[in-house]
């Protein structure tokens, strides 16, 4: 891809994110597909995130929030709330990431992920990882090969199998 094409793709992505932010601010709800691996095993690539606009006082540790920053959208878990400033700041981190993100300001907070749609079913987002999920997150943090294998296996299990049309 040429530099011009890269710039166009970057601009198109930023415009999509801006549109998603505007929809969420205007209508209070948004759905979109997850693409990254940073929230494994809570959120898998292909899951649809169901996001609701919330006020800052409705965000607490354990919640997964959607943040708009630098022309991108990111859904990560709140690991702590920094109080004492004129406005709250949240420290977020992907479940499979080894380090927290930079603090989230009130202006960057877009909403809270309330549910996932996975294989056609509503799945609540847990406020904390189970012991098994913590183990999976540690494996993913340490090995990209293991992460790829887990995503591949998950797709194989979760992807609905196509059925053949009726033959008459």
C-alpha atoms as a PDB file:
ATOM      1  CA  UNK A   1       0.000   0.000   0.000  1.00  0.00           C
ATOM      2  CA  UNK A   2       1.362   3.434  -0.845  1.00  0.00           C
ATOM      3  CA  UNK A   3       1.773   6.255   1.640  1.00  0.00           C
ATOM      4  CA  UNK A   4      -1.213   8.065   0.083  1.00  0.00           C
ATOM      5  CA  UNK A   5      -3.371   4.950   0.395  1.00  0.00           C
ATOM      6  CA  UNK A   6      -2.268   4.528   4.030  1.00  0.00           C
ATOM      7  CA  UNK A   7      -3.239   8.137   4.754  1.00  0.00           C
ATOM      8  CA  UNK A   8      -6.629   7.640   3.070  1.00  0.00           C
ATOM      9  CA  UNK A   9      -7.310   4.466   5.078  1.00  0.00           C
ATOM     10  CA  UNK A  10      -6.321   6.303   8.274  1.00  0.00           C
ATOM     11  CA  UNK A  11      -8.636   9.212   7.442  1.00  0.00           C
ATOM     12  CA  UNK A  12     -11.498   6.861   6.566  1.00  0.00           C
ATOM     13  CA  UNK A  13     -11.038   4.993   9.858  1.00  0.00           C
ATOM     14  CA  UNK A  14     -10.977   8.253  11.827  1.00  0.00           C
ATOM     15  CA  UNK A  15     -14.189   9.384  10.089  1.00  0.00           C
ATOM     16  CA  UNK A  16     -15.898   6.072  10.967  1.00  0.00           C
ATOM     17  CA  UNK A  17     -14.877   6.505  14.585  1.00  0.00           C
ATOM     18  CA  UNK A  18     -16.112  10.095  14.609  1.00  0.00           C
ATOM     19  CA  UNK A  19     -19.462   8.973  13.165  1.00  0.00           C
ATOM     20  CA  UNK A  20     -19.755   6.210  15.796  1.00  0.00           C
ATOM     21  CA  UNK A  21     -19.054   8.777  18.545  1.00  0.00           C
ATOM     22  CA  UNK A  22     -21.727  11.089  17.163  1.00  0.00           C
ATOM     23  CA  UNK A  23     -24.294   8.258  16.970  1.00  0.00           C
ATOM     24  CA  UNK A  24     -23.583   7.303  20.582  1.00  0.00           C
ATOM     25  CA  UNK A  25     -23.801  10.909  21.789  1.00  0.00           C
ATOM     26  CA  UNK A  26     -27.006  11.571  19.827  1.00  0.00           C
ATOM     27  CA  UNK A  27     -28.920   8.342  20.364  1.00  0.00           C
ATOM     28  CA  UNK A  28     -27.343   6.900  23.504  1.00  0.00           C
ATOM     29  CA  UNK A  29     -26.661   3.436  22.073  1.00  0.00           C
ATOM     30  CA  UNK A  30     -24.175   1.927  19.667  1.00  0.00           C
ATOM     31  CA  UNK A  31     -23.237  -1.526  18.448  1.00  0.00           C
ATOM     32  CA  UNK A  32     -20.060  -2.482  16.634  1.00  0.00           C
ATOM     33  CA  UNK A  33     -17.825  -5.482  16.085  1.00  0.00           C
ATOM     34  CA  UNK A  34     -14.675  -5.936  18.126  1.00  0.00           C
ATOM     35  CA  UNK A  35     -11.530  -6.397  16.081  1.00  0.00           C
ATOM     36  CA  UNK A  36      -8.624  -6.500  18.513  1.00  0.00           C
ATOM     37  CA  UNK A  37      -7.235  -9.016  20.980  1.00  0.00           C
ATOM     38  CA  UNK A  38      -6.567  -6.721  23.926  1.00  0.00           C
ATOM     39  CA  UNK A  39      -9.686  -7.812  25.845  1.00  0.00           C
ATOM     40  CA  UNK A  40      -9.251 -11.570  25.453  1.00  0.00           C
ATOM     41  CA  UNK A  41     -10.843 -13.678  26.865  1.00  0.00           C
ATOM     42  CA  UNK A  42     -13.723 -11.332  27.844  1.00  0.00           C
ATOM     43  CA  UNK A  43     -14.176  -9.960  24.321  1.00  0.00           C
ATOM     44  CA  UNK A  44     -13.223 -11.947  21.219  1.00  0.00           C
ATOM     45  CA  UNK A  45     -12.684 -10.574  17.709  1.00  0.00           C
ATOM     46  CA  UNK A  46     -16.062 -10.649  15.978  1.00  0.00           C
ATOM     47  CA  UNK A  47     -18.107 -10.088  19.142  1.00  0.00           C
ATOM     48  CA  UNK A  48     -20.574  -7.234  18.803  1.00  0.00           C
ATOM     49  CA  UNK A  49     -20.252  -4.713  21.614  1.00  0.00           C
ATOM     50  CA  UNK A  50     -23.526  -3.186  22.865  1.00  0.00           C
ATOM     51  CA  UNK A  51     -22.628   0.211  24.280  1.00  0.00           C
ATOM     52  CA  UNK A  52     -24.763   2.638  26.237  1.00  0.00           C
ATOM     53  CA  UNK A  53     -23.938   6.273  26.891  1.00  0.00           C
ATOM     54  CA  UNK A  54     -23.513   6.781  30.645  1.00  0.00           C
ATOM     55  CA  UNK A  55     -22.688   9.654  32.954  1.00  0.00           C
ATOM     56  CA  UNK A  56     -19.263   9.686  34.627  1.00  0.00           C
ATOM     57  CA  UNK A  57     -20.743   8.722  38.012  1.00  0.00           C
ATOM     58  CA  UNK A  58     -22.024   5.451  36.451  1.00  0.00           C
ATOM     59  CA  UNK A  59     -18.481   4.240  35.699  1.00  0.00           C
ATOM     60  CA  UNK A  60     -16.711   2.181  38.338  1.00  0.00           C
ATOM     61  CA  UNK A  61     -13.826  -0.250  38.558  1.00  0.00           C
ATOM     62  CA  UNK A  62     -14.585  -3.459  36.672  1.00  0.00           C
ATOM     63  CA  UNK A  63     -16.727  -1.804  33.999  1.00  0.00           C
ATOM     64  CA  UNK A  64     -15.660  -2.028  30.373  1.00  0.00           C
ATOM     65  CA  UNK A  65     -15.874   1.417  28.818  1.00  0.00           C
ATOM     66  CA  UNK A  66     -15.591   2.782  25.289  1.00  0.00           C
ATOM     67  CA  UNK A  67     -13.055   5.555  24.881  1.00  0.00           C
ATOM     68  CA  UNK A  68     -12.599   7.851  21.890  1.00  0.00           C
ATOM     69  CA  UNK A  69      -8.992   8.967  21.564  1.00  0.00           C
ATOM     70  CA  UNK A  70      -6.704   9.995  18.689  1.00  0.00           C
ATOM     71  CA  UNK A  71      -9.284   9.116  16.018  1.00  0.00           C
ATOM     72  CA  UNK A  72      -9.734   5.590  17.410  1.00  0.00           C
ATOM     73  CA  UNK A  73     -12.204   3.731  19.591  1.00  0.00           C
ATOM     74  CA  UNK A  74     -11.014   1.472  22.378  1.00  0.00           C
ATOM     75  CA  UNK A  75     -13.010  -0.657  24.815  1.00  0.00           C
ATOM     76  CA  UNK A  76     -11.008  -1.578  27.928  1.00  0.00           C
ATOM     77  CA  UNK A  77     -11.744  -2.432  31.545  1.00  0.00           C
ATOM     78  CA  UNK A  78     -11.597   0.249  34.264  1.00  0.00           C
ATOM     79  CA  UNK A  79      -9.002  -0.911  36.792  1.00  0.00           C
ATOM     80  CA  UNK A  80      -9.166   2.193  39.013  1.00  0.00           C
ATOM     81  CA  UNK A  81     -10.704   5.631  39.320  1.00  0.00           C
ATOM     82  CA  UNK A  82      -8.404   8.582  39.984  1.00  0.00           C
ATOM     83  CA  UNK A  83     -10.231  11.052  42.186  1.00  0.00           C
ATOM     84  CA  UNK A  84      -9.117  14.403  43.489  1.00  0.00           C
ATOM     85  CA  UNK A  85      -8.982  16.202  40.146  1.00  0.00           C
ATOM     86  CA  UNK A  86     -11.606  18.697  39.000  1.00  0.00           C
ATOM     87  CA  UNK A  87     -13.105  15.851  36.965  1.00  0.00           C
ATOM     88  CA  UNK A  88     -12.739  12.077  37.342  1.00  0.00           C
ATOM     89  CA  UNK A  89     -10.133  10.136  35.416  1.00  0.00           C
ATOM     90  CA  UNK A  90     -10.264   6.415  34.833  1.00  0.00           C
ATOM     91  CA  UNK A  91      -7.337   4.057  34.478  1.00  0.00           C
ATOM     92  CA  UNK A  92      -8.140   1.363  31.924  1.00  0.00           C
ATOM     93  CA  UNK A  93      -6.375  -1.727  30.722  1.00  0.00           C
ATOM     94  CA  UNK A  94      -7.158  -4.465  28.246  1.00  0.00           C
ATOM     95  CA  UNK A  95      -7.571  -7.810  30.017  1.00  0.00           C
ATOM     96  CA  UNK A  96      -4.790  -9.261  27.822  1.00  0.00           C
ATOM     97  CA  UNK A  97      -2.529  -6.188  28.007  1.00  0.00           C
ATOM     98  CA  UNK A  98       0.459  -6.112  30.327  1.00  0.00           C
ATOM     99  CA  UNK A  99       0.252  -2.390  31.166  1.00  0.00           C
ATOM    100  CA  UNK A 100      -2.516   0.145  31.776  1.00  0.00           C
ATOM    101  CA  UNK A 101      -3.503   2.797  29.247  1.00  0.00           C
ATOM    102  CA  UNK A 102      -2.980   6.490  29.853  1.00  0.00           C
ATOM    103  CA  UNK A 103      -5.738   7.965  32.064  1.00  0.00           C
ATOM    104  CA  UNK A 104      -9.113   8.562  30.424  1.00  0.00           C
ATOM    105  CA  UNK A 105     -10.598  12.038  30.767  1.00  0.00           C
ATOM    106  CA  UNK A 106     -14.306  12.763  30.984  1.00  0.00           C
ATOM    107  CA  UNK A 107     -14.275  14.114  27.416  1.00  0.00           C
ATOM    108  CA  UNK A 108     -12.875  10.816  26.095  1.00  0.00           C
ATOM    109  CA  UNK A 109     -15.482   8.650  27.837  1.00  0.00           C
ATOM    110  CA  UNK A 110     -18.105   7.596  25.300  1.00  0.00           C
ATOM    111  CA  UNK A 111     -20.042   4.866  27.071  1.00  0.00           C
ATOM    112  CA  UNK A 112     -20.087   1.559  28.883  1.00  0.00           C
ATOM    113  CA  UNK A 113     -20.171  -1.876  27.254  1.00  0.00           C
ATOM    114  CA  UNK A 114     -23.248  -3.519  28.765  1.00  0.00           C
ATOM    115  CA  UNK A 115     -23.458  -6.679  26.685  1.00  0.00           C
ATOM    116  CA  UNK A 116     -21.793  -8.606  23.922  1.00  0.00           C
ATOM    117  CA  UNK A 117     -23.539 -10.416  21.135  1.00  0.00           C
ATOM    118  CA  UNK A 118     -21.645 -13.646  20.523  1.00  0.00           C
ATOM    119  CA  UNK A 119     -22.928 -16.371  18.206  1.00  0.00           C
ATOM    120  CA  UNK A 120     -26.359 -14.722  18.246  1.00  0.00           C
ATOM    121  CA  UNK A 121     -26.649 -14.672  22.054  1.00  0.00           C
ATOM    122  CA  UNK A 122     -26.526 -11.774  24.526  1.00  0.00           C
ATOM    123  CA  UNK A 123     -23.581 -12.232  26.870  1.00  0.00           C
ATOM    124  CA  UNK A 124     -23.154  -9.980  29.921  1.00  0.00           C
ATOM    125  CA  UNK A 125     -19.701  -8.472  30.393  1.00  0.00           C
ATOM    126  CA  UNK A 126     -18.269  -9.750  33.690  1.00  0.00           C
ATOM    127  CA  UNK A 127     -17.017  -7.135  36.164  1.00  0.00           C
ATOM    128  CA  UNK A 128     -14.082  -9.397  37.005  1.00  0.00           C
ATOM    129  CA  UNK A 129     -12.283 -12.256  35.331  1.00  0.00           C
ATOM    130  CA  UNK A 130     -12.738 -15.792  36.608  1.00  0.00           C
ATOM    131  CA  UNK A 131      -9.625 -17.744  37.592  1.00  0.00           C
ATOM    132  CA  UNK A 132      -9.689 -19.572  34.240  1.00  0.00           C
ATOM    133  CA  UNK A 133     -10.079 -16.294  32.330  1.00  0.00           C
ATOM    134  CA  UNK A 134      -7.192 -14.758  34.306  1.00  0.00           C
ATOM    135  CA  UNK A 135      -5.023 -17.691  33.242  1.00  0.00           C
ATOM    136  CA  UNK A 136      -6.049 -17.292  29.589  1.00  0.00           C
ATOM    137  CA  UNK A 137      -5.302 -13.537  29.766  1.00  0.00           C
ATOM    138  CA  UNK A 138      -1.812 -14.262  31.177  1.00  0.00           C
ATOM    139  CA  UNK A 139      -1.117 -16.742  28.380  1.00  0.00           C
ATOM    140  CA  UNK A 140      -2.252 -14.236  25.745  1.00  0.00           C
ATOM    141  CA  UNK A 141      -0.084 -11.493  27.311  1.00  0.00           C
ATOM    142  CA  UNK A 142       3.019 -13.648  27.076  1.00  0.00           C
ATOM    143  CA  UNK A 143       2.585 -15.358  23.706  1.00  0.00           C
ATOM    144  CA  UNK A 144       1.249 -14.013  20.424  1.00  0.00           C
ATOM    145  CA  UNK A 145       1.392 -17.539  19.038  1.00  0.00           C
ATOM    146  CA  UNK A 146      -0.862 -18.778  21.842  1.00  0.00           C
ATOM    147  CA  UNK A 147      -3.196 -15.811  21.260  1.00  0.00           C
ATOM    148  CA  UNK A 148      -3.459 -16.632  17.554  1.00  0.00           C
ATOM    149  CA  UNK A 149      -4.153 -20.284  18.353  1.00  0.00           C
ATOM    150  CA  UNK A 150      -6.871 -19.357  20.869  1.00  0.00           C
ATOM    151  CA  UNK A 151      -8.544 -16.967  18.424  1.00  0.00           C
ATOM    152  CA  UNK A 152      -8.405 -19.621  15.695  1.00  0.00           C
ATOM    153  CA  UNK A 153      -9.945 -22.251  17.988  1.00  0.00           C
ATOM    154  CA  UNK A 154     -12.579 -19.816  19.230  1.00  0.00           C
ATOM    155  CA  UNK A 155     -13.615 -18.993  15.658  1.00  0.00           C
ATOM    156  CA  UNK A 156     -13.842 -22.680  14.807  1.00  0.00           C
ATOM    157  CA  UNK A 157     -16.113 -23.344  17.801  1.00  0.00           C
ATOM    158  CA  UNK A 158     -18.208 -20.148  17.761  1.00  0.00           C
ATOM    159  CA  UNK A 159     -18.739 -19.665  14.019  1.00  0.00           C
ATOM    160  CA  UNK A 160     -22.150 -20.991  13.030  1.00  0.00           C
ATOM    161  CA  UNK A 161     -21.816 -23.683  10.407  1.00  0.00           C
ATOM    162  CA  UNK A 162     -23.491 -22.911   7.106  1.00  0.00           C
ATOM    163  CA  UNK A 163     -26.348 -25.237   6.303  1.00  0.00           C
ATOM    164  CA  UNK A 164     -27.134 -26.467   2.857  1.00  0.00           C
ATOM    165  CA  UNK A 165     -30.309 -25.131   1.315  1.00  0.00           C
ATOM    166  CA  UNK A 166     -33.241 -27.527   1.171  1.00  0.00           C
ATOM    167  CA  UNK A 167     -33.174 -29.746  -1.853  1.00  0.00           C
ATOM    168  CA  UNK A 168     -36.454 -30.719  -3.378  1.00  0.00           C
END
